[in-house]
């Protein structure tokens, strides 16, 4: 999670269509900035506390592991995008390289994971914006309001994304400054990095993966950057490295000012640091910044998941009724209303940690398919060393199996429902074809 911004994934999934030629106007600096804009955002407000609960100070190691897996995933996606210069992302790559069932697995995992991301963003917004007792009602209200806004065809613009990134960075600067003034900063944030075992560290990596959502945006820019074979992998490394440094700085400050135990149970850890510092004037700034970042991410997620659902419904991989487009507003209204209902159900039954775990389960499976598809490409299509998708496959599997047990069990169950639906549909279509 990313930020929890989903611009990469959401733009990667719509119904396949020919991609128009684009001007190669982006150099390395421009590609890096776009990558930073896609990653730095609301995810940092949500993911650190669950990661600390899993690994304590070991979340710092988990952060690096999550970034390495993200690099492998993004590089594999870039290689596949060069071979299939159409929209559709891993939904297309899986179908073309591995078969239709693999494409369905990628698409269904994406929808499931990003639906949970919506719930995580809504719950995080509520944690910063309202008292704990009002958390779930406020989260549900945010979902309903933003679905209504998106229903009328209003979504995020590039300018809004830039504004949100600036707001988030300003909040993070304030948090770092406040945290360094806390008397309890004498706590060693690096103590006991692996004291909870490598299982906890890997679980924290899977949860922190949520904070990198959007990293694959760079991989989709093959037609827009100069010398993409050289520029894209360098931009991915630089953007991920800068994001890791920013997130690690925040994590060290939080660990040093709150301690891993308090960080692990905090609903709004960045706000807690400001309160502990005595900088009461900065409290509203953190609240407004966190709320704006989460709502912006949620609006983008709603639009992205709705359009992904539309694409899969057109293919018949989801009920075709969900492919309806509103005649006036031009949005997949049935898909988005269905999404709102599902997100609200997740909010009612899960907390932030559960929603993030569920989200990471779906998105990691999505990129597992991407890495397998890249691994299956022939030598003439391979742009990067074969070890990269191999590490991506191993990393995705390792992070998935060490996620919280409830997230894994729920994810497997939902995945099985999707597989069963598609199998029944295919059997019915085959039967009707034979009768005809």
Protein backbone atom coordinates (compact mmCIF):
# COMPACT_ATOMS: atom_id res chain seq x y z
CA UNK A 1 0.00 0.00 0.00
CA UNK A 2 0.76 1.64 -1.11
CA UNK A 3 0.30 5.44 -0.30
CA UNK A 4 -2.77 3.54 -0.43
CA UNK A 5 -3.13 5.26 -3.72
CA UNK A 6 -4.07 2.71 -6.34
CA UNK A 7 -3.32 4.63 -9.47
CA UNK A 8 -1.01 1.92 -10.75
CA UNK A 9 -3.26 -1.02 -10.22
CA UNK A 10 -6.55 0.69 -10.90
CA UNK A 11 -5.35 2.06 -14.21
CA UNK A 12 -3.86 -1.29 -15.09
CA UNK A 13 -7.01 -3.33 -14.97
CA UNK A 14 -9.74 -1.94 -17.30
CA UNK A 15 -11.06 -3.77 -20.34
CA UNK A 16 -8.23 -4.37 -22.82
CA UNK A 17 -8.06 -1.89 -25.64
CA UNK A 18 -5.42 -0.56 -27.99
CA UNK A 19 -3.10 1.89 -26.29
CA UNK A 20 -2.57 5.21 -28.09
CA UNK A 21 0.97 6.33 -28.88
CA UNK A 22 2.35 8.62 -26.21
CA UNK A 23 5.16 11.15 -26.32
CA UNK A 24 8.37 9.97 -24.66
CA UNK A 25 8.76 13.13 -22.59
CA UNK A 26 9.73 11.73 -19.19
CA UNK A 27 13.32 11.42 -18.09
CA UNK A 28 14.60 9.67 -14.99
CA UNK A 29 13.65 12.54 -12.66
CA UNK A 30 10.08 12.72 -13.92
CA UNK A 31 9.58 8.98 -13.62
CA UNK A 32 10.95 9.02 -10.06
CA UNK A 33 8.58 11.84 -9.07
CA UNK A 34 5.58 9.96 -10.43
CA UNK A 35 6.66 6.89 -8.49
CA UNK A 36 6.98 8.90 -5.28
CA UNK A 37 3.57 10.47 -5.86
CA UNK A 38 2.05 7.02 -6.28
CA UNK A 39 3.60 5.55 -3.11
CA UNK A 40 3.84 8.26 -0.47
CA UNK A 41 0.42 8.76 1.01
CA UNK A 42 -2.23 7.36 3.26
CA UNK A 43 -0.68 3.92 3.70
CA UNK A 44 1.88 5.27 6.17
CA UNK A 45 -0.93 6.35 8.48
CA UNK A 46 -2.42 2.85 8.50
CA UNK A 47 0.28 0.21 8.26
CA UNK A 48 2.91 0.99 10.91
CA UNK A 49 0.83 0.08 13.96
CA UNK A 50 -0.20 -3.40 12.68
CA UNK A 51 3.41 -4.00 11.61
CA UNK A 52 4.69 -3.07 15.08
CA UNK A 53 2.13 -5.39 16.64
CA UNK A 54 3.52 -8.23 14.52
CA UNK A 55 7.26 -7.60 14.81
CA UNK A 56 8.00 -4.78 17.22
CA UNK A 57 11.16 -2.99 16.12
CA UNK A 58 11.56 -5.75 13.53
CA UNK A 59 9.17 -3.78 11.33
CA UNK A 60 12.27 -1.88 10.17
CA UNK A 61 13.59 -5.11 8.65
CA UNK A 62 10.11 -5.89 7.33
CA UNK A 63 10.04 -2.52 5.59
CA UNK A 64 13.16 -3.38 3.59
CA UNK A 65 11.81 -6.84 2.70
CA UNK A 66 8.51 -5.33 1.52
CA UNK A 67 10.43 -2.89 -0.68
CA UNK A 68 12.51 -5.69 -2.25
CA UNK A 69 9.37 -7.67 -3.09
CA UNK A 70 7.78 -4.51 -4.49
CA UNK A 71 10.84 -3.95 -6.70
CA UNK A 72 10.63 -7.47 -8.12
CA UNK A 73 6.90 -7.11 -8.74
CA UNK A 74 7.26 -3.75 -10.46
CA UNK A 75 10.16 -4.92 -12.64
CA UNK A 76 8.25 -8.02 -13.75
CA UNK A 77 5.25 -5.81 -14.54
CA UNK A 78 7.47 -3.51 -16.61
CA UNK A 79 8.78 -6.45 -18.64
CA UNK A 80 5.25 -7.72 -19.27
CA UNK A 81 3.97 -4.25 -20.16
CA UNK A 82 6.64 -4.02 -22.86
CA UNK A 83 5.35 -7.26 -24.41
CA UNK A 84 1.65 -6.37 -24.03
CA UNK A 85 1.31 -2.61 -24.59
CA UNK A 86 -2.42 -2.56 -23.80
CA UNK A 87 -4.43 -1.77 -20.72
CA UNK A 88 -5.42 -4.73 -18.60
CA UNK A 89 -2.34 -5.33 -16.45
CA UNK A 90 -1.89 -8.77 -14.93
CA UNK A 91 -5.45 -9.65 -15.90
CA UNK A 92 -4.15 -9.63 -19.49
CA UNK A 93 -0.65 -10.91 -18.75
CA UNK A 94 -1.96 -13.94 -16.89
CA UNK A 95 -4.45 -14.82 -19.63
CA UNK A 96 -1.91 -14.45 -22.42
CA UNK A 97 1.09 -16.12 -20.77
CA UNK A 98 -0.44 -18.68 -18.43
CA UNK A 99 -4.07 -19.20 -19.46
CA UNK A 100 -7.51 -17.73 -18.76
CA UNK A 101 -7.78 -19.18 -15.26
CA UNK A 102 -4.59 -17.39 -14.22
CA UNK A 103 -5.93 -14.13 -15.61
CA UNK A 104 -9.12 -14.63 -13.63
CA UNK A 105 -7.10 -15.36 -10.48
CA UNK A 106 -5.22 -12.08 -10.93
CA UNK A 107 -8.36 -10.05 -11.59
CA UNK A 108 -10.38 -11.59 -8.76
CA UNK A 109 -7.47 -11.20 -6.32
CA UNK A 110 -7.15 -7.56 -7.35
CA UNK A 111 -10.84 -6.84 -6.74
CA UNK A 112 -10.81 -8.64 -3.39
CA UNK A 113 -7.59 -6.98 -2.22
CA UNK A 114 -8.54 -3.47 -3.25
CA UNK A 115 -12.03 -3.82 -1.75
CA UNK A 116 -10.30 -4.53 1.57
CA UNK A 117 -8.02 -1.53 0.92
CA UNK A 118 -11.13 0.65 0.75
CA UNK A 119 -12.18 -0.60 4.18
CA UNK A 120 -8.69 -0.02 5.60
CA UNK A 121 -8.62 3.55 4.31
CA UNK A 122 -12.09 4.30 5.66
CA UNK A 123 -11.19 2.88 9.09
CA UNK A 124 -7.91 4.82 9.17
CA UNK A 125 -9.72 8.04 8.27
CA UNK A 126 -12.12 7.45 11.15
CA UNK A 127 -9.29 6.63 13.59
CA UNK A 128 -7.77 10.08 13.03
CA UNK A 129 -10.96 12.09 12.52
CA UNK A 130 -13.40 10.98 15.24
CA UNK A 131 -13.42 9.40 18.73
CA UNK A 132 -12.99 5.62 18.81
CA UNK A 133 -16.65 5.02 19.70
CA UNK A 134 -17.70 6.64 16.42
CA UNK A 135 -15.06 4.91 14.31
CA UNK A 136 -17.12 2.38 12.37
CA UNK A 137 -20.14 4.67 11.75
CA UNK A 138 -17.78 7.39 10.49
CA UNK A 139 -15.95 4.93 8.24
CA UNK A 140 -19.22 3.70 6.73
CA UNK A 141 -20.40 7.29 6.25
CA UNK A 142 -17.16 8.12 4.42
CA UNK A 143 -17.66 5.19 2.05
CA UNK A 144 -21.27 6.15 1.31
CA UNK A 145 -20.41 9.81 0.69
CA UNK A 146 -17.45 9.07 -1.59
CA UNK A 147 -19.35 6.44 -3.57
CA UNK A 148 -22.07 9.05 -4.07
CA UNK A 149 -19.43 11.56 -5.20
CA UNK A 150 -17.86 9.06 -7.58
CA UNK A 151 -21.32 8.04 -8.81
CA UNK A 152 -21.56 11.50 -10.35
CA UNK A 153 -18.32 10.95 -12.24
CA UNK A 154 -16.09 12.95 -9.88
CA UNK A 155 -12.72 11.37 -9.10
CA UNK A 156 -9.19 12.43 -8.33
CA UNK A 157 -7.20 14.55 -10.74
CA UNK A 158 -3.45 14.67 -11.18
CA UNK A 159 -3.39 18.06 -9.46
CA UNK A 160 -5.32 16.70 -6.47
CA UNK A 161 -2.83 13.83 -6.17
CA UNK A 162 0.07 16.29 -6.08
CA UNK A 163 -1.69 18.39 -3.43
CA UNK A 164 -2.32 15.31 -1.29
CA UNK A 165 1.34 14.26 -1.53
CA UNK A 166 2.45 17.73 -0.39
CA UNK A 167 -0.02 17.59 2.52
CA UNK A 168 1.22 14.16 3.58
CA UNK A 169 4.88 15.22 3.40
CA UNK A 170 4.11 18.33 5.47
CA UNK A 171 2.41 16.19 8.12
CA UNK A 172 5.34 13.75 8.18
CA UNK A 173 7.82 16.61 8.68
CA UNK A 174 5.78 17.86 11.64
CA UNK A 175 5.60 14.35 13.13
CA UNK A 176 9.38 13.88 12.84
CA UNK A 177 10.02 17.27 14.44
CA UNK A 178 7.56 16.56 17.25
CA UNK A 179 8.86 13.05 17.80
CA UNK A 180 12.48 14.16 18.17
CA UNK A 181 11.42 16.50 20.98
CA UNK A 182 9.69 13.83 23.05
CA UNK A 183 11.49 13.06 26.30
CA UNK A 184 11.00 9.32 25.77
CA UNK A 185 13.08 9.45 22.61
CA UNK A 186 15.78 7.78 24.68
CA UNK A 187 14.10 4.45 23.88
CA UNK A 188 16.34 2.55 21.48
CA UNK A 189 14.24 2.08 18.32
CA UNK A 190 16.67 -0.53 17.00
CA UNK A 191 16.58 -2.79 20.05
CA UNK A 192 15.40 -6.35 19.53
CA UNK A 193 15.03 -6.18 15.76
CA UNK A 194 14.35 -9.92 15.43
CA UNK A 195 13.24 -10.65 18.99
CA UNK A 196 9.80 -11.80 17.83
CA UNK A 197 11.26 -14.13 15.24
CA UNK A 198 11.42 -14.07 11.46
CA UNK A 199 7.78 -15.09 11.20
CA UNK A 200 6.82 -11.79 12.84
CA UNK A 201 9.25 -9.87 10.63
CA UNK A 202 7.81 -11.44 7.47
CA UNK A 203 4.27 -10.76 8.70
CA UNK A 204 5.19 -7.11 9.23
CA UNK A 205 6.60 -7.05 5.68
CA UNK A 206 3.31 -8.37 4.32
CA UNK A 207 1.38 -5.72 6.24
CA UNK A 208 3.80 -2.93 5.26
CA UNK A 209 3.45 -4.00 1.62
CA UNK A 210 0.13 -2.15 1.88
CA UNK A 211 2.03 1.12 2.36
CA UNK A 212 3.77 0.74 -1.02
CA UNK A 213 0.53 0.52 -3.03
CA UNK A 214 1.00 2.40 -6.27
CA UNK A 215 4.65 1.47 -6.78
CA UNK A 216 3.92 -0.31 -10.08
CA UNK A 217 2.77 2.96 -11.65
CA UNK A 218 6.31 3.39 -12.98
CA UNK A 219 6.12 0.02 -14.70
CA UNK A 220 3.17 1.20 -16.80
CA UNK A 221 5.04 4.18 -18.28
CA UNK A 222 6.97 2.32 -20.99
CA UNK A 223 5.55 4.55 -23.74
CA UNK A 224 6.13 7.80 -21.84
CA UNK A 225 9.76 7.60 -20.71
CA UNK A 226 12.97 8.04 -22.65
CA UNK A 227 15.01 4.84 -23.03
CA UNK A 228 12.50 2.78 -20.98
CA UNK A 229 14.66 -0.37 -20.75
CA UNK A 230 17.24 1.61 -18.79
CA UNK A 231 15.12 4.34 -17.19
CA UNK A 232 12.27 2.27 -15.72
CA UNK A 233 14.30 -0.11 -13.52
CA UNK A 234 16.48 2.79 -12.31
CA UNK A 235 13.40 4.88 -11.52
CA UNK A 236 11.83 1.98 -9.63
CA UNK A 237 14.96 1.52 -7.50
CA UNK A 238 15.34 5.24 -6.76
CA UNK A 239 11.65 5.84 -5.97
CA UNK A 240 11.43 2.76 -3.75
CA UNK A 241 14.68 3.68 -1.97
CA UNK A 242 13.50 7.23 -1.25
CA UNK A 243 10.13 5.95 -0.04
CA UNK A 244 11.82 3.41 2.25
CA UNK A 245 14.02 6.15 3.72
CA UNK A 246 11.01 8.37 4.39
CA UNK A 247 8.98 5.55 5.90
CA UNK A 248 11.95 4.27 7.92
CA UNK A 249 12.51 7.74 9.36
CA UNK A 250 8.89 7.89 10.48
CA UNK A 251 9.08 4.36 11.89
CA UNK A 252 12.25 5.13 13.88
CA UNK A 253 10.68 8.29 15.32
CA UNK A 254 7.52 6.42 16.31
CA UNK A 255 9.46 3.54 17.85
CA UNK A 256 11.74 5.94 19.71
CA UNK A 257 8.97 8.16 21.05
CA UNK A 258 6.17 5.66 21.72
CA UNK A 259 7.99 2.33 22.00
CA UNK A 260 7.00 -0.74 19.99
CA UNK A 261 4.31 -1.88 22.46
CA UNK A 262 2.45 1.45 22.46
CA UNK A 263 2.90 1.83 18.71
CA UNK A 264 1.41 -1.62 18.14
CA UNK A 265 -1.86 -0.79 19.91
CA UNK A 266 -2.25 2.82 18.77
CA UNK A 267 -5.18 3.55 16.47
CA UNK A 268 -3.61 6.84 15.31
CA UNK A 269 0.14 6.61 16.03
CA UNK A 270 1.23 9.75 14.20
CA UNK A 271 -1.30 11.74 16.19
CA UNK A 272 -0.12 10.06 19.38
CA UNK A 273 3.46 11.26 18.78
CA UNK A 274 2.30 14.84 18.38
CA UNK A 275 0.23 14.62 21.57
CA UNK A 276 3.14 13.10 23.51
CA UNK A 277 5.41 15.94 22.39
CA UNK A 278 3.11 18.59 23.81
CA UNK A 279 2.69 20.16 20.37
CA UNK A 280 -1.05 20.47 20.79
CA UNK A 281 -1.21 23.05 18.02
CA UNK A 282 -0.02 20.41 15.54
CA UNK A 283 -2.74 17.92 16.43
CA UNK A 284 -5.33 19.40 14.04
CA UNK A 285 -2.73 19.50 11.25
CA UNK A 286 -2.04 15.78 11.60
CA UNK A 287 -5.77 15.04 11.81
CA UNK A 288 -6.60 17.06 8.70
CA UNK A 289 -3.61 15.69 6.79
CA UNK A 290 -4.39 12.08 7.64
CA UNK A 291 -8.08 12.53 6.87
CA UNK A 292 -7.35 14.21 3.52
CA UNK A 293 -4.85 11.54 2.52
CA UNK A 294 -7.17 8.69 3.46
CA UNK A 295 -10.21 10.19 1.74
CA UNK A 296 -8.20 10.91 -1.40
CA UNK A 297 -6.90 7.35 -1.48
CA UNK A 298 -10.39 5.99 -0.84
CA UNK A 299 -11.87 7.99 -3.70
CA UNK A 300 -9.22 6.66 -6.08
CA UNK A 301 -9.72 3.09 -4.87
CA UNK A 302 -13.49 3.26 -5.35
CA UNK A 303 -13.06 4.42 -8.95
CA UNK A 304 -10.37 1.83 -9.68
CA UNK A 305 -12.18 -1.17 -8.20
CA UNK A 306 -15.44 -0.15 -9.83
CA UNK A 307 -13.84 -0.07 -13.26
CA UNK A 308 -12.00 -3.32 -12.69
CA UNK A 309 -15.29 -4.96 -11.75
CA UNK A 310 -16.80 -3.51 -14.92
CA UNK A 311 -14.01 -5.04 -17.03
CA UNK A 312 -14.38 -8.48 -15.47
CA UNK A 313 -18.17 -8.34 -15.79
CA UNK A 314 -17.83 -7.58 -19.51
CA UNK A 315 -15.67 -10.69 -19.86
CA UNK A 316 -18.21 -12.73 -17.90
CA UNK A 317 -15.77 -13.34 -15.04
CA UNK A 318 -18.20 -11.51 -12.75
CA UNK A 319 -22.01 -11.22 -13.10
CA UNK A 320 -22.74 -9.35 -16.32
CA UNK A 321 -25.28 -7.12 -14.56
CA UNK A 322 -22.31 -5.36 -12.98
CA UNK A 323 -21.19 -4.18 -16.43
CA UNK A 324 -23.98 -1.60 -16.58
CA UNK A 325 -22.82 2.00 -17.11
CA UNK A 326 -24.97 4.91 -15.94
CA UNK A 327 -26.42 6.65 -19.02
CA UNK A 328 -25.95 10.14 -17.58
CA UNK A 329 -22.83 10.01 -15.42
CA UNK A 330 -20.89 7.38 -17.38
CA UNK A 331 -19.81 5.35 -14.34
CA UNK A 332 -20.28 1.63 -13.57
CA UNK A 333 -22.97 2.42 -11.00
CA UNK A 334 -24.03 -1.14 -10.18
CA UNK A 335 -20.43 -2.18 -9.64
CA UNK A 336 -19.77 0.77 -7.36
CA UNK A 337 -22.94 0.29 -5.30
CA UNK A 338 -22.03 -3.38 -4.89
CA UNK A 339 -18.53 -2.32 -3.87
CA UNK A 340 -19.92 0.06 -1.25
CA UNK A 341 -22.01 -2.72 0.29
CA UNK A 342 -19.02 -5.08 0.45
CA UNK A 343 -16.72 -2.43 1.92
CA UNK A 344 -19.26 -1.58 4.62
CA UNK A 345 -19.56 -5.26 5.52
CA UNK A 346 -15.77 -5.50 5.92
CA UNK A 347 -15.79 -2.38 8.10
CA UNK A 348 -18.41 -3.95 10.37
CA UNK A 349 -16.54 -7.22 10.90
CA UNK A 350 -12.84 -6.22 10.71
CA UNK A 351 -10.39 -3.79 12.24
CA UNK A 352 -7.62 -1.93 10.41
CA UNK A 353 -5.12 -4.76 10.88
CA UNK A 354 -7.55 -7.33 9.51
CA UNK A 355 -8.46 -5.16 6.52
CA UNK A 356 -4.80 -4.49 5.70
CA UNK A 357 -3.95 -8.18 5.98
CA UNK A 358 -6.86 -9.09 3.71
CA UNK A 359 -5.81 -6.41 1.22
CA UNK A 360 -2.20 -7.59 1.16
CA UNK A 361 -3.37 -11.17 0.60
CA UNK A 362 -5.23 -10.21 -2.58
CA UNK A 363 -2.61 -7.84 -3.99
CA UNK A 364 0.29 -10.22 -3.30
CA UNK A 365 -1.54 -12.98 -5.19
CA UNK A 366 -2.11 -10.53 -8.04
CA UNK A 367 1.63 -9.92 -8.29
CA UNK A 368 2.42 -13.60 -7.82
CA UNK A 369 0.64 -14.14 -11.14
CA UNK A 370 2.60 -11.22 -12.66
CA UNK A 371 5.92 -12.76 -11.61
CA UNK A 372 4.91 -16.20 -12.90
CA UNK A 373 3.86 -14.64 -16.21
CA UNK A 374 7.20 -12.81 -16.49
CA UNK A 375 9.04 -16.02 -15.64
CA UNK A 376 7.25 -17.82 -18.49
CA UNK A 377 8.33 -15.29 -21.13
CA UNK A 378 10.89 -16.38 -23.69
CA UNK A 379 14.43 -15.06 -23.91
CA UNK A 380 13.49 -12.66 -26.73
CA UNK A 381 10.98 -10.91 -24.43
CA UNK A 382 13.15 -10.86 -21.31
CA UNK A 383 14.52 -7.42 -20.46
CA UNK A 384 15.73 -8.08 -16.94
CA UNK A 385 17.54 -10.97 -15.20
CA UNK A 386 15.45 -14.09 -14.70
CA UNK A 387 16.29 -14.07 -10.98
CA UNK A 388 14.01 -11.04 -10.47
CA UNK A 389 10.67 -12.80 -11.13
CA UNK A 390 12.01 -15.85 -9.25
CA UNK A 391 12.62 -13.68 -6.18
CA UNK A 392 9.23 -12.05 -6.76
CA UNK A 393 7.47 -15.43 -6.71
CA UNK A 394 9.31 -16.53 -3.56
CA UNK A 395 8.72 -13.17 -1.87
CA UNK A 396 5.00 -13.03 -2.65
CA UNK A 397 4.46 -16.58 -1.37
CA UNK A 398 6.52 -15.95 1.79
CA UNK A 399 4.60 -12.78 2.64
CA UNK A 400 1.19 -14.31 1.87
CA UNK A 401 1.65 -17.37 4.09
CA UNK A 402 2.91 -15.29 7.03
CA UNK A 403 0.03 -12.80 7.00
CA UNK A 404 -2.38 -12.98 9.98
CA UNK A 405 -4.17 -16.33 9.94
CA UNK A 406 -7.63 -14.75 9.75
CA UNK A 407 -6.60 -12.77 6.65
CA UNK A 408 -5.22 -15.88 4.95
CA UNK A 409 -8.24 -18.03 5.84
CA UNK A 410 -10.71 -15.36 4.73
CA UNK A 411 -8.76 -14.72 1.55
CA UNK A 412 -8.64 -18.40 0.62
CA UNK A 413 -12.39 -18.68 1.24
CA UNK A 414 -13.23 -15.66 -0.93
CA UNK A 415 -10.84 -16.89 -3.61
CA UNK A 416 -12.58 -20.27 -3.61
CA UNK A 417 -15.97 -18.56 -4.03
CA UNK A 418 -14.70 -16.74 -7.10
CA UNK A 419 -13.27 -19.92 -8.60
CA UNK A 420 -16.53 -21.77 -7.93
CA UNK A 421 -18.56 -18.99 -9.58
CA UNK A 422 -16.42 -19.05 -12.72
CA UNK A 423 -16.44 -22.86 -12.91
CA UNK A 424 -20.25 -22.95 -12.65
CA UNK A 425 -20.59 -20.22 -15.29
CA UNK A 426 -18.29 -22.02 -17.71
CA UNK A 427 -20.14 -25.28 -17.21
CA UNK A 428 -23.49 -23.60 -17.92
CA UNK A 429 -22.15 -21.90 -21.03
CA UNK A 430 -20.70 -25.18 -22.27
CA UNK A 431 -24.00 -26.93 -21.65
CA UNK A 432 -25.95 -24.24 -23.52
CA UNK A 433 -23.49 -24.43 -26.41
CA UNK A 434 -23.93 -28.20 -26.69
CA UNK A 435 -27.72 -27.84 -26.68
CA UNK A 436 -27.54 -25.30 -29.47
